[in-house]
Amino acid sequence: MYAGLKNTPCCLCGREETHTRIAVPPRALRLMENGGPIAWRDVVGTVTLRFCADDWDLVSDLAVEMDTHPLSRCNAAHVSLDLREDHEALLSATKAETDQTELEARLVREAEATLDAVDDPYTEERDVVEAVVVLRALEELGVRDGPGRADADAEKSTPADDD
């Protein structure tokens, strides 16, 4: 069942004319403005965000130069997404929550592969920005360890030598 909009406006400023789109995992809705009421576990597939040309420059700078994401400023009302059918209403039966881990794992693998190929002339800036946004969003949500966090955690758990 399709519930989102096909031609959504820029999720940052609301401008109708958009320049670039990226896809993020459904869980990222929790980081967005107005995303709280959306049942992210009922989203099928990725969530598509669109940006106007002016905002794309800002998003690109945030991702590439500052290694962060703009999701807290994105309006979840301006995203495109698919919701699963409401089985509870149609069949008077309860359906188990959707497990998003497989989708998230695939997006992480694709993002890491993109960042590994950042120097490849065929790797587009849009792909790099999308990869950074996906990885940083999942890190902020506690789904994935950030760069350096695993090393820091390992150092904390290793007892110090008293010699």
N, C-alpha and C. Protein backbone atom coordinates (compact mmCIF):
# COMPACT_ATOMS: atom_id res chain seq x y z
N MET A 1 0.84 -1.18 0.00
CA MET A 1 0.00 0.00 0.00
C MET A 1 0.89 1.24 0.00
N TYR A 2 0.73 2.10 -0.96
CA TYR A 2 1.52 3.32 -1.05
C TYR A 2 0.88 4.41 -0.22
N ALA A 3 1.65 5.08 0.61
CA ALA A 3 1.10 6.12 1.46
C ALA A 3 1.81 7.45 1.29
N GLY A 4 3.00 7.45 0.74
CA GLY A 4 3.76 8.69 0.60
C GLY A 4 3.42 9.41 -0.68
N LEU A 5 4.16 10.45 -0.96
CA LEU A 5 3.96 11.25 -2.16
C LEU A 5 5.04 10.92 -3.17
N LYS A 6 4.68 10.94 -4.46
CA LYS A 6 5.68 10.66 -5.48
C LYS A 6 6.59 11.86 -5.70
N ASN A 7 6.03 13.02 -5.83
CA ASN A 7 6.82 14.22 -6.06
C ASN A 7 6.80 15.08 -4.81
N THR A 8 7.62 14.70 -3.87
CA THR A 8 7.65 15.42 -2.61
C THR A 8 8.52 16.67 -2.73
N PRO A 9 8.23 17.68 -1.93
CA PRO A 9 9.05 18.89 -1.95
C PRO A 9 10.36 18.66 -1.21
N CYS A 10 11.21 19.68 -1.24
CA CYS A 10 12.46 19.64 -0.49
C CYS A 10 12.13 19.43 0.98
N CYS A 11 12.76 18.47 1.60
CA CYS A 11 12.42 18.17 3.00
C CYS A 11 13.01 19.19 3.96
N LEU A 12 13.89 20.07 3.50
CA LEU A 12 14.44 21.10 4.36
C LEU A 12 13.65 22.41 4.28
N CYS A 13 13.36 22.87 3.06
CA CYS A 13 12.72 24.18 2.92
C CYS A 13 11.30 24.11 2.38
N GLY A 14 10.88 22.97 1.84
CA GLY A 14 9.54 22.82 1.31
C GLY A 14 9.37 23.29 -0.12
N ARG A 15 10.44 23.73 -0.76
CA ARG A 15 10.37 24.18 -2.16
C ARG A 15 9.95 23.01 -3.04
N GLU A 16 9.03 23.28 -3.96
CA GLU A 16 8.49 22.22 -4.83
C GLU A 16 9.52 21.67 -5.82
N GLU A 17 10.36 22.53 -6.35
CA GLU A 17 11.34 22.11 -7.35
C GLU A 17 12.55 21.50 -6.64
N THR A 18 12.78 20.21 -6.88
CA THR A 18 13.90 19.53 -6.21
C THR A 18 14.99 19.17 -7.20
N HIS A 19 16.17 18.95 -6.66
CA HIS A 19 17.37 18.72 -7.45
C HIS A 19 17.90 17.30 -7.29
N THR A 20 17.93 16.80 -6.05
CA THR A 20 18.56 15.52 -5.76
C THR A 20 17.76 14.79 -4.69
N ARG A 21 17.81 13.46 -4.77
CA ARG A 21 17.13 12.65 -3.76
C ARG A 21 18.10 11.62 -3.20
N ILE A 22 17.85 11.25 -1.95
CA ILE A 22 18.61 10.18 -1.31
C ILE A 22 17.63 9.27 -0.58
N ALA A 23 18.08 8.07 -0.27
CA ALA A 23 17.25 7.11 0.46
C ALA A 23 17.90 6.81 1.80
N VAL A 24 17.08 6.75 2.84
CA VAL A 24 17.55 6.46 4.19
C VAL A 24 16.70 5.33 4.77
N PRO A 25 17.19 4.65 5.80
CA PRO A 25 16.40 3.58 6.42
C PRO A 25 15.18 4.17 7.15
N PRO A 26 14.11 3.41 7.26
CA PRO A 26 12.89 3.90 7.92
C PRO A 26 13.12 4.39 9.35
N ARG A 27 14.03 3.76 10.07
CA ARG A 27 14.31 4.16 11.45
C ARG A 27 14.76 5.62 11.52
N ALA A 28 15.32 6.15 10.44
CA ALA A 28 15.79 7.54 10.41
C ALA A 28 14.65 8.54 10.56
N LEU A 29 13.42 8.10 10.35
CA LEU A 29 12.27 8.99 10.57
C LEU A 29 12.26 9.52 12.00
N ARG A 30 12.77 8.74 12.94
CA ARG A 30 12.79 9.15 14.35
C ARG A 30 13.68 10.37 14.58
N LEU A 31 14.61 10.63 13.67
CA LEU A 31 15.51 11.78 13.80
C LEU A 31 14.94 13.04 13.17
N MET A 32 13.87 12.90 12.40
CA MET A 32 13.34 14.02 11.63
C MET A 32 12.26 14.80 12.37
N GLU A 33 12.14 16.04 11.97
CA GLU A 33 11.08 16.90 12.46
C GLU A 33 9.74 16.28 12.04
N ASN A 34 8.79 16.20 12.92
CA ASN A 34 7.46 15.62 12.67
C ASN A 34 7.50 14.11 12.38
N GLY A 35 8.58 13.45 12.69
CA GLY A 35 8.70 12.02 12.42
C GLY A 35 8.17 11.13 13.54
N GLY A 36 7.95 11.70 14.71
CA GLY A 36 7.51 10.92 15.86
C GLY A 36 6.24 10.11 15.65
N PRO A 37 5.19 10.70 15.06
CA PRO A 37 3.94 9.96 14.91
C PRO A 37 3.96 8.87 13.83
N ILE A 38 4.99 8.85 12.99
CA ILE A 38 5.05 7.87 11.90
C ILE A 38 5.56 6.55 12.44
N ALA A 39 4.83 5.48 12.19
CA ALA A 39 5.22 4.14 12.63
C ALA A 39 6.31 3.62 11.69
N TRP A 40 7.57 3.91 12.01
CA TRP A 40 8.67 3.57 11.11
C TRP A 40 8.78 2.08 10.85
N ARG A 41 8.32 1.25 11.78
CA ARG A 41 8.39 -0.20 11.57
C ARG A 41 7.39 -0.68 10.51
N ASP A 42 6.42 0.15 10.18
CA ASP A 42 5.44 -0.20 9.15
C ASP A 42 5.86 0.27 7.77
N VAL A 43 7.01 0.91 7.65
CA VAL A 43 7.50 1.37 6.36
C VAL A 43 8.13 0.20 5.63
N VAL A 44 7.77 0.05 4.37
CA VAL A 44 8.31 -1.01 3.53
C VAL A 44 9.36 -0.37 2.62
N GLY A 45 10.59 -0.84 2.72
CA GLY A 45 11.65 -0.27 1.90
C GLY A 45 12.23 0.99 2.53
N THR A 46 12.91 1.76 1.72
CA THR A 46 13.59 2.95 2.22
C THR A 46 12.67 4.17 2.19
N VAL A 47 13.10 5.21 2.86
CA VAL A 47 12.42 6.50 2.88
C VAL A 47 13.21 7.43 1.96
N THR A 48 12.53 8.09 1.03
CA THR A 48 13.20 8.96 0.08
C THR A 48 13.07 10.42 0.50
N LEU A 49 14.20 11.09 0.55
CA LEU A 49 14.25 12.52 0.85
C LEU A 49 14.68 13.26 -0.40
N ARG A 50 14.05 14.38 -0.66
CA ARG A 50 14.43 15.21 -1.81
C ARG A 50 14.92 16.56 -1.30
N PHE A 51 15.88 17.13 -2.05
CA PHE A 51 16.45 18.42 -1.69
C PHE A 51 16.48 19.34 -2.91
N CYS A 52 16.21 20.63 -2.69
CA CYS A 52 16.35 21.61 -3.75
C CYS A 52 17.84 21.84 -3.99
N ALA A 53 18.18 22.53 -5.07
CA ALA A 53 19.59 22.73 -5.42
C ALA A 53 20.34 23.48 -4.32
N ASP A 54 19.74 24.53 -3.75
CA ASP A 54 20.41 25.30 -2.69
C ASP A 54 20.66 24.43 -1.46
N ASP A 55 19.65 23.70 -1.04
CA ASP A 55 19.80 22.86 0.15
C ASP A 55 20.72 21.67 -0.12
N TRP A 56 20.76 21.19 -1.36
CA TRP A 56 21.65 20.08 -1.68
C TRP A 56 23.11 20.48 -1.43
N ASP A 57 23.46 21.70 -1.78
CA ASP A 57 24.83 22.17 -1.52
C ASP A 57 25.13 22.11 -0.03
N LEU A 58 24.19 22.53 0.79
CA LEU A 58 24.37 22.49 2.25
C LEU A 58 24.49 21.05 2.75
N VAL A 59 23.59 20.17 2.29
CA VAL A 59 23.60 18.76 2.70
C VAL A 59 24.92 18.11 2.28
N SER A 60 25.36 18.40 1.08
CA SER A 60 26.61 17.84 0.58
C SER A 60 27.79 18.31 1.44
N ASP A 61 27.82 19.59 1.78
CA ASP A 61 28.90 20.10 2.63
C ASP A 61 28.86 19.45 4.01
N LEU A 62 27.67 19.31 4.58
CA LEU A 62 27.55 18.68 5.90
C LEU A 62 28.09 17.26 5.88
N ALA A 63 27.72 16.51 4.85
CA ALA A 63 28.10 15.10 4.77
C ALA A 63 29.58 14.93 4.43
N VAL A 64 30.03 15.61 3.39
CA VAL A 64 31.38 15.39 2.90
C VAL A 64 32.42 16.11 3.77
N GLU A 65 32.16 17.36 4.12
CA GLU A 65 33.14 18.15 4.85
C GLU A 65 33.08 17.92 6.36
N MET A 66 31.85 17.75 6.90
CA MET A 66 31.70 17.67 8.35
C MET A 66 31.34 16.27 8.85
N ASP A 67 31.13 15.31 7.92
CA ASP A 67 30.85 13.92 8.27
C ASP A 67 29.63 13.81 9.20
N THR A 68 28.55 14.51 8.83
CA THR A 68 27.32 14.48 9.62
C THR A 68 26.11 14.46 8.70
N HIS A 69 24.92 14.50 9.28
CA HIS A 69 23.69 14.46 8.49
C HIS A 69 22.76 15.62 8.89
N PRO A 70 21.81 15.98 8.01
CA PRO A 70 20.89 17.07 8.28
C PRO A 70 19.51 16.61 8.73
N LEU A 71 19.36 15.37 9.13
CA LEU A 71 18.02 14.81 9.33
C LEU A 71 17.20 15.54 10.39
N SER A 72 17.82 16.11 11.39
CA SER A 72 17.04 16.80 12.42
C SER A 72 16.32 18.02 11.86
N ARG A 73 16.77 18.53 10.74
CA ARG A 73 16.14 19.68 10.09
C ARG A 73 15.18 19.28 8.98
N CYS A 74 15.15 18.00 8.63
CA CYS A 74 14.27 17.53 7.56
C CYS A 74 12.86 17.31 8.11
N ASN A 75 11.87 17.68 7.32
CA ASN A 75 10.48 17.52 7.70
C ASN A 75 9.98 16.16 7.20
N ALA A 76 9.60 15.29 8.11
CA ALA A 76 9.14 13.96 7.74
C ALA A 76 7.84 14.01 6.93
N ALA A 77 7.13 15.12 6.99
CA ALA A 77 5.91 15.28 6.20
C ALA A 77 6.23 15.42 4.71
N HIS A 78 7.49 15.67 4.38
CA HIS A 78 7.90 15.86 2.99
C HIS A 78 8.75 14.71 2.48
N VAL A 79 8.52 13.50 2.94
CA VAL A 79 9.28 12.34 2.46
C VAL A 79 8.36 11.44 1.66
N SER A 80 8.97 10.56 0.92
CA SER A 80 8.21 9.57 0.16
C SER A 80 8.49 8.20 0.77
N LEU A 81 7.41 7.45 1.05
CA LEU A 81 7.56 6.14 1.68
C LEU A 81 6.37 5.26 1.36
N ASP A 82 6.55 3.97 1.54
CA ASP A 82 5.49 2.98 1.39
C ASP A 82 5.19 2.39 2.77
N LEU A 83 3.91 2.30 3.11
CA LEU A 83 3.51 1.67 4.36
C LEU A 83 2.90 0.31 4.05
N ARG A 84 3.17 -0.66 4.91
CA ARG A 84 2.55 -1.97 4.72
C ARG A 84 1.06 -1.86 4.98
N GLU A 85 0.33 -2.81 4.47
CA GLU A 85 -1.11 -2.80 4.65
C GLU A 85 -1.46 -2.97 6.12
N ASP A 86 -2.56 -2.39 6.51
CA ASP A 86 -3.02 -2.48 7.88
C ASP A 86 -3.81 -3.79 8.06
N HIS A 87 -3.08 -4.86 8.37
CA HIS A 87 -3.70 -6.17 8.51
C HIS A 87 -4.66 -6.22 9.70
N GLU A 88 -4.36 -5.43 10.72
CA GLU A 88 -5.24 -5.44 11.88
C GLU A 88 -6.64 -4.96 11.49
N ALA A 89 -6.69 -3.94 10.63
CA ALA A 89 -7.99 -3.41 10.22
C ALA A 89 -8.66 -4.30 9.18
N LEU A 90 -7.88 -4.87 8.27
CA LEU A 90 -8.46 -5.67 7.20
C LEU A 90 -8.87 -7.07 7.65
N LEU A 91 -8.08 -7.68 8.50
CA LEU A 91 -8.30 -9.09 8.83
C LEU A 91 -8.66 -9.34 10.29
N SER A 92 -8.73 -8.31 11.08
CA SER A 92 -8.96 -8.45 12.52
C SER A 92 -7.92 -9.40 13.13
N ALA A 93 -6.70 -9.30 12.64
CA ALA A 93 -5.60 -10.14 13.14
C ALA A 93 -4.39 -9.26 13.37
N THR A 94 -3.59 -9.64 14.30
CA THR A 94 -2.38 -8.86 14.60
C THR A 94 -1.21 -9.46 13.84
N LYS A 95 -0.45 -8.60 13.20
CA LYS A 95 0.73 -9.03 12.46
C LYS A 95 1.97 -8.61 13.23
N ALA A 96 2.99 -9.42 13.20
CA ALA A 96 4.23 -9.12 13.91
C ALA A 96 4.88 -7.86 13.35
N GLU A 97 5.64 -7.16 14.21
CA GLU A 97 6.37 -5.97 13.76
C GLU A 97 7.34 -6.34 12.65
N THR A 98 7.50 -5.42 11.72
CA THR A 98 8.44 -5.63 10.64
C THR A 98 9.86 -5.54 11.18
N ASP A 99 10.70 -6.48 10.78
CA ASP A 99 12.10 -6.47 11.18
C ASP A 99 12.89 -5.71 10.12
N GLN A 100 13.40 -4.55 10.50
CA GLN A 100 14.11 -3.69 9.57
C GLN A 100 15.61 -3.98 9.51
N THR A 101 16.09 -4.95 10.30
CA THR A 101 17.54 -5.18 10.39
C THR A 101 18.16 -5.60 9.07
N GLU A 102 17.47 -6.40 8.27
CA GLU A 102 18.02 -6.84 6.99
C GLU A 102 18.19 -5.65 6.05
N LEU A 103 17.19 -4.78 5.97
CA LEU A 103 17.27 -3.58 5.14
C LEU A 103 18.40 -2.68 5.62
N GLU A 104 18.49 -2.48 6.93
CA GLU A 104 19.54 -1.63 7.49
C GLU A 104 20.92 -2.21 7.22
N ALA A 105 21.07 -3.52 7.34
CA ALA A 105 22.36 -4.16 7.08
C ALA A 105 22.76 -3.99 5.61
N ARG A 106 21.78 -4.12 4.70
CA ARG A 106 22.06 -3.92 3.27
C ARG A 106 22.48 -2.48 3.00
N LEU A 107 21.78 -1.53 3.60
CA LEU A 107 22.13 -0.12 3.40
C LEU A 107 23.52 0.20 3.96
N VAL A 108 23.87 -0.40 5.09
CA VAL A 108 25.20 -0.20 5.67
C VAL A 108 26.27 -0.78 4.74
N ARG A 109 26.04 -1.99 4.23
CA ARG A 109 27.01 -2.61 3.31
C ARG A 109 27.21 -1.74 2.07
N GLU A 110 26.11 -1.26 1.49
CA GLU A 110 26.19 -0.42 0.30
C GLU A 110 26.91 0.90 0.62
N ALA A 111 26.60 1.48 1.76
CA ALA A 111 27.23 2.75 2.15
C ALA A 111 28.72 2.57 2.36
N GLU A 112 29.11 1.51 3.05
CA GLU A 112 30.53 1.26 3.30
C GLU A 112 31.27 0.99 1.99
N ALA A 113 30.63 0.28 1.06
CA ALA A 113 31.25 0.02 -0.24
C ALA A 113 31.42 1.33 -1.01
N THR A 114 30.46 2.21 -0.92
CA THR A 114 30.55 3.51 -1.59
C THR A 114 31.70 4.32 -1.01
N LEU A 115 31.81 4.35 0.31
CA LEU A 115 32.89 5.12 0.94
C LEU A 115 34.25 4.50 0.68
N ASP A 116 34.31 3.18 0.53
CA ASP A 116 35.57 2.53 0.18
C ASP A 116 36.00 2.89 -1.24
N ALA A 117 35.03 3.21 -2.10
CA ALA A 117 35.31 3.54 -3.50
C ALA A 117 35.23 5.05 -3.76
N VAL A 118 35.39 5.85 -2.72
CA VAL A 118 35.22 7.30 -2.86
C VAL A 118 36.19 7.91 -3.87
N ASP A 119 37.36 7.33 -4.05
CA ASP A 119 38.34 7.84 -5.00
C ASP A 119 38.12 7.33 -6.42
N ASP A 120 37.20 6.41 -6.59
CA ASP A 120 36.87 5.88 -7.91
C ASP A 120 36.18 6.98 -8.72
N PRO A 121 36.61 7.22 -9.96
CA PRO A 121 35.99 8.29 -10.76
C PRO A 121 34.51 8.05 -11.07
N TYR A 122 34.04 6.82 -10.91
CA TYR A 122 32.64 6.52 -11.19
C TYR A 122 31.74 6.67 -9.95
N THR A 123 32.32 6.97 -8.81
CA THR A 123 31.53 7.18 -7.60
C THR A 123 31.04 8.63 -7.60
N GLU A 124 29.72 8.77 -7.58
CA GLU A 124 29.13 10.11 -7.63
C GLU A 124 29.03 10.73 -6.25
N GLU A 125 29.06 12.05 -6.21
CA GLU A 125 28.96 12.78 -4.95
C GLU A 125 27.65 12.44 -4.24
N ARG A 126 26.57 12.29 -4.97
CA ARG A 126 25.27 11.97 -4.38
C ARG A 126 25.35 10.67 -3.62
N ASP A 127 26.04 9.68 -4.16
CA ASP A 127 26.18 8.39 -3.50
C ASP A 127 27.00 8.51 -2.22
N VAL A 128 28.03 9.34 -2.24
CA VAL A 128 28.86 9.55 -1.05
C VAL A 128 28.04 10.23 0.03
N VAL A 129 27.28 11.26 -0.34
CA VAL A 129 26.45 11.98 0.62
C VAL A 129 25.42 11.03 1.23
N GLU A 130 24.76 10.24 0.39
CA GLU A 130 23.78 9.28 0.88
C GLU A 130 24.42 8.29 1.85
N ALA A 131 25.60 7.81 1.52
CA ALA A 131 26.30 6.86 2.38
C ALA A 131 26.60 7.46 3.75
N VAL A 132 27.10 8.68 3.76
CA VAL A 132 27.42 9.34 5.03
C VAL A 132 26.16 9.55 5.85
N VAL A 133 25.09 10.01 5.22
CA VAL A 133 23.84 10.26 5.94
C VAL A 133 23.30 8.96 6.54
N VAL A 134 23.31 7.89 5.77
CA VAL A 134 22.81 6.60 6.27
C VAL A 134 23.64 6.12 7.46
N LEU A 135 24.95 6.13 7.32
CA LEU A 135 25.82 5.62 8.38
C LEU A 135 25.73 6.48 9.65
N ARG A 136 25.77 7.79 9.51
CA ARG A 136 25.72 8.66 10.68
C ARG A 136 24.36 8.60 11.37
N ALA A 137 23.29 8.46 10.59
CA ALA A 137 21.95 8.34 11.19
C ALA A 137 21.85 7.05 12.00
N LEU A 138 22.31 5.95 11.46
CA LEU A 138 22.25 4.68 12.19
C LEU A 138 23.15 4.69 13.42
N GLU A 139 24.26 5.41 13.34
CA GLU A 139 25.12 5.55 14.51
C GLU A 139 24.41 6.35 15.60
N GLU A 140 23.77 7.45 15.21
CA GLU A 140 23.06 8.28 16.18
C GLU A 140 21.91 7.52 16.83
N LEU A 141 21.30 6.63 16.08
CA LEU A 141 20.20 5.83 16.61
C LEU A 141 20.68 4.63 17.42
N GLY A 142 21.98 4.42 17.48
CA GLY A 142 22.54 3.33 18.27
C GLY A 142 22.47 1.98 17.60
N VAL A 143 22.20 1.96 16.30
CA VAL A 143 22.11 0.70 15.55
C VAL A 143 23.48 0.23 15.12
N ARG A 144 24.39 1.16 14.94
CA ARG A 144 25.71 0.87 14.41
C ARG A 144 26.74 1.67 15.20
N ASP A 145 27.91 1.08 15.43
CA ASP A 145 28.99 1.81 16.08
C ASP A 145 29.61 2.79 15.10
N GLY A 146 29.95 3.96 15.61
CA GLY A 146 30.58 4.99 14.79
C GLY A 146 32.05 4.72 14.60
N PRO A 147 32.70 5.48 13.71
CA PRO A 147 34.14 5.30 13.51
C PRO A 147 34.88 5.65 14.79
N GLY A 148 35.75 4.76 15.20
CA GLY A 148 36.53 5.01 16.41
C GLY A 148 35.84 4.55 17.68
N ARG A 149 34.53 4.34 17.67
CA ARG A 149 33.83 3.93 18.89
C ARG A 149 34.22 2.53 19.31
N ALA A 150 34.38 1.64 18.36
CA ALA A 150 34.74 0.26 18.69
C ALA A 150 36.13 0.23 19.33
N ASP A 151 37.06 1.05 18.79
CA ASP A 151 38.40 1.11 19.36
C ASP A 151 38.36 1.69 20.77
N ALA A 152 37.56 2.73 20.96
CA ALA A 152 37.46 3.37 22.28
C ALA A 152 36.85 2.41 23.29
N ASP A 153 35.82 1.65 22.86
CA ASP A 153 35.20 0.68 23.76
C ASP A 153 36.19 -0.42 24.12
N ALA A 154 37.02 -0.84 23.17
CA ALA A 154 38.00 -1.90 23.43
C ALA A 154 39.05 -1.41 24.43
N GLU A 155 39.44 -0.14 24.30
CA GLU A 155 40.42 0.40 25.23
C GLU A 155 39.86 0.48 26.64
N LYS A 156 38.58 0.81 26.76
CA LYS A 156 37.94 0.91 28.08
C LYS A 156 37.88 -0.45 28.77
N SER A 157 37.64 -1.51 27.98
CA SER A 157 37.46 -2.83 28.56
C SER A 157 38.79 -3.53 28.84
N THR A 158 39.90 -3.01 28.27
CA THR A 158 41.20 -3.61 28.51
C THR A 158 41.78 -3.07 29.80
N PRO A 159 42.13 -3.94 30.73
CA PRO A 159 42.69 -3.45 31.99
C PRO A 159 44.05 -2.80 31.73
N ALA A 160 44.31 -1.73 32.44
CA ALA A 160 45.59 -1.03 32.29
C ALA A 160 46.70 -1.83 32.96
N ASP A 161 47.87 -1.78 32.35
CA ASP A 161 49.03 -2.46 32.96
C ASP A 161 49.58 -1.61 34.07
N ASP A 162 49.86 -2.21 35.21
CA ASP A 162 50.40 -1.49 36.35
C ASP A 162 51.92 -1.58 36.41
N ASP A 163 52.56 -2.24 35.45
CA ASP A 163 54.01 -2.43 35.46
C ASP A 163 54.72 -1.15 35.15
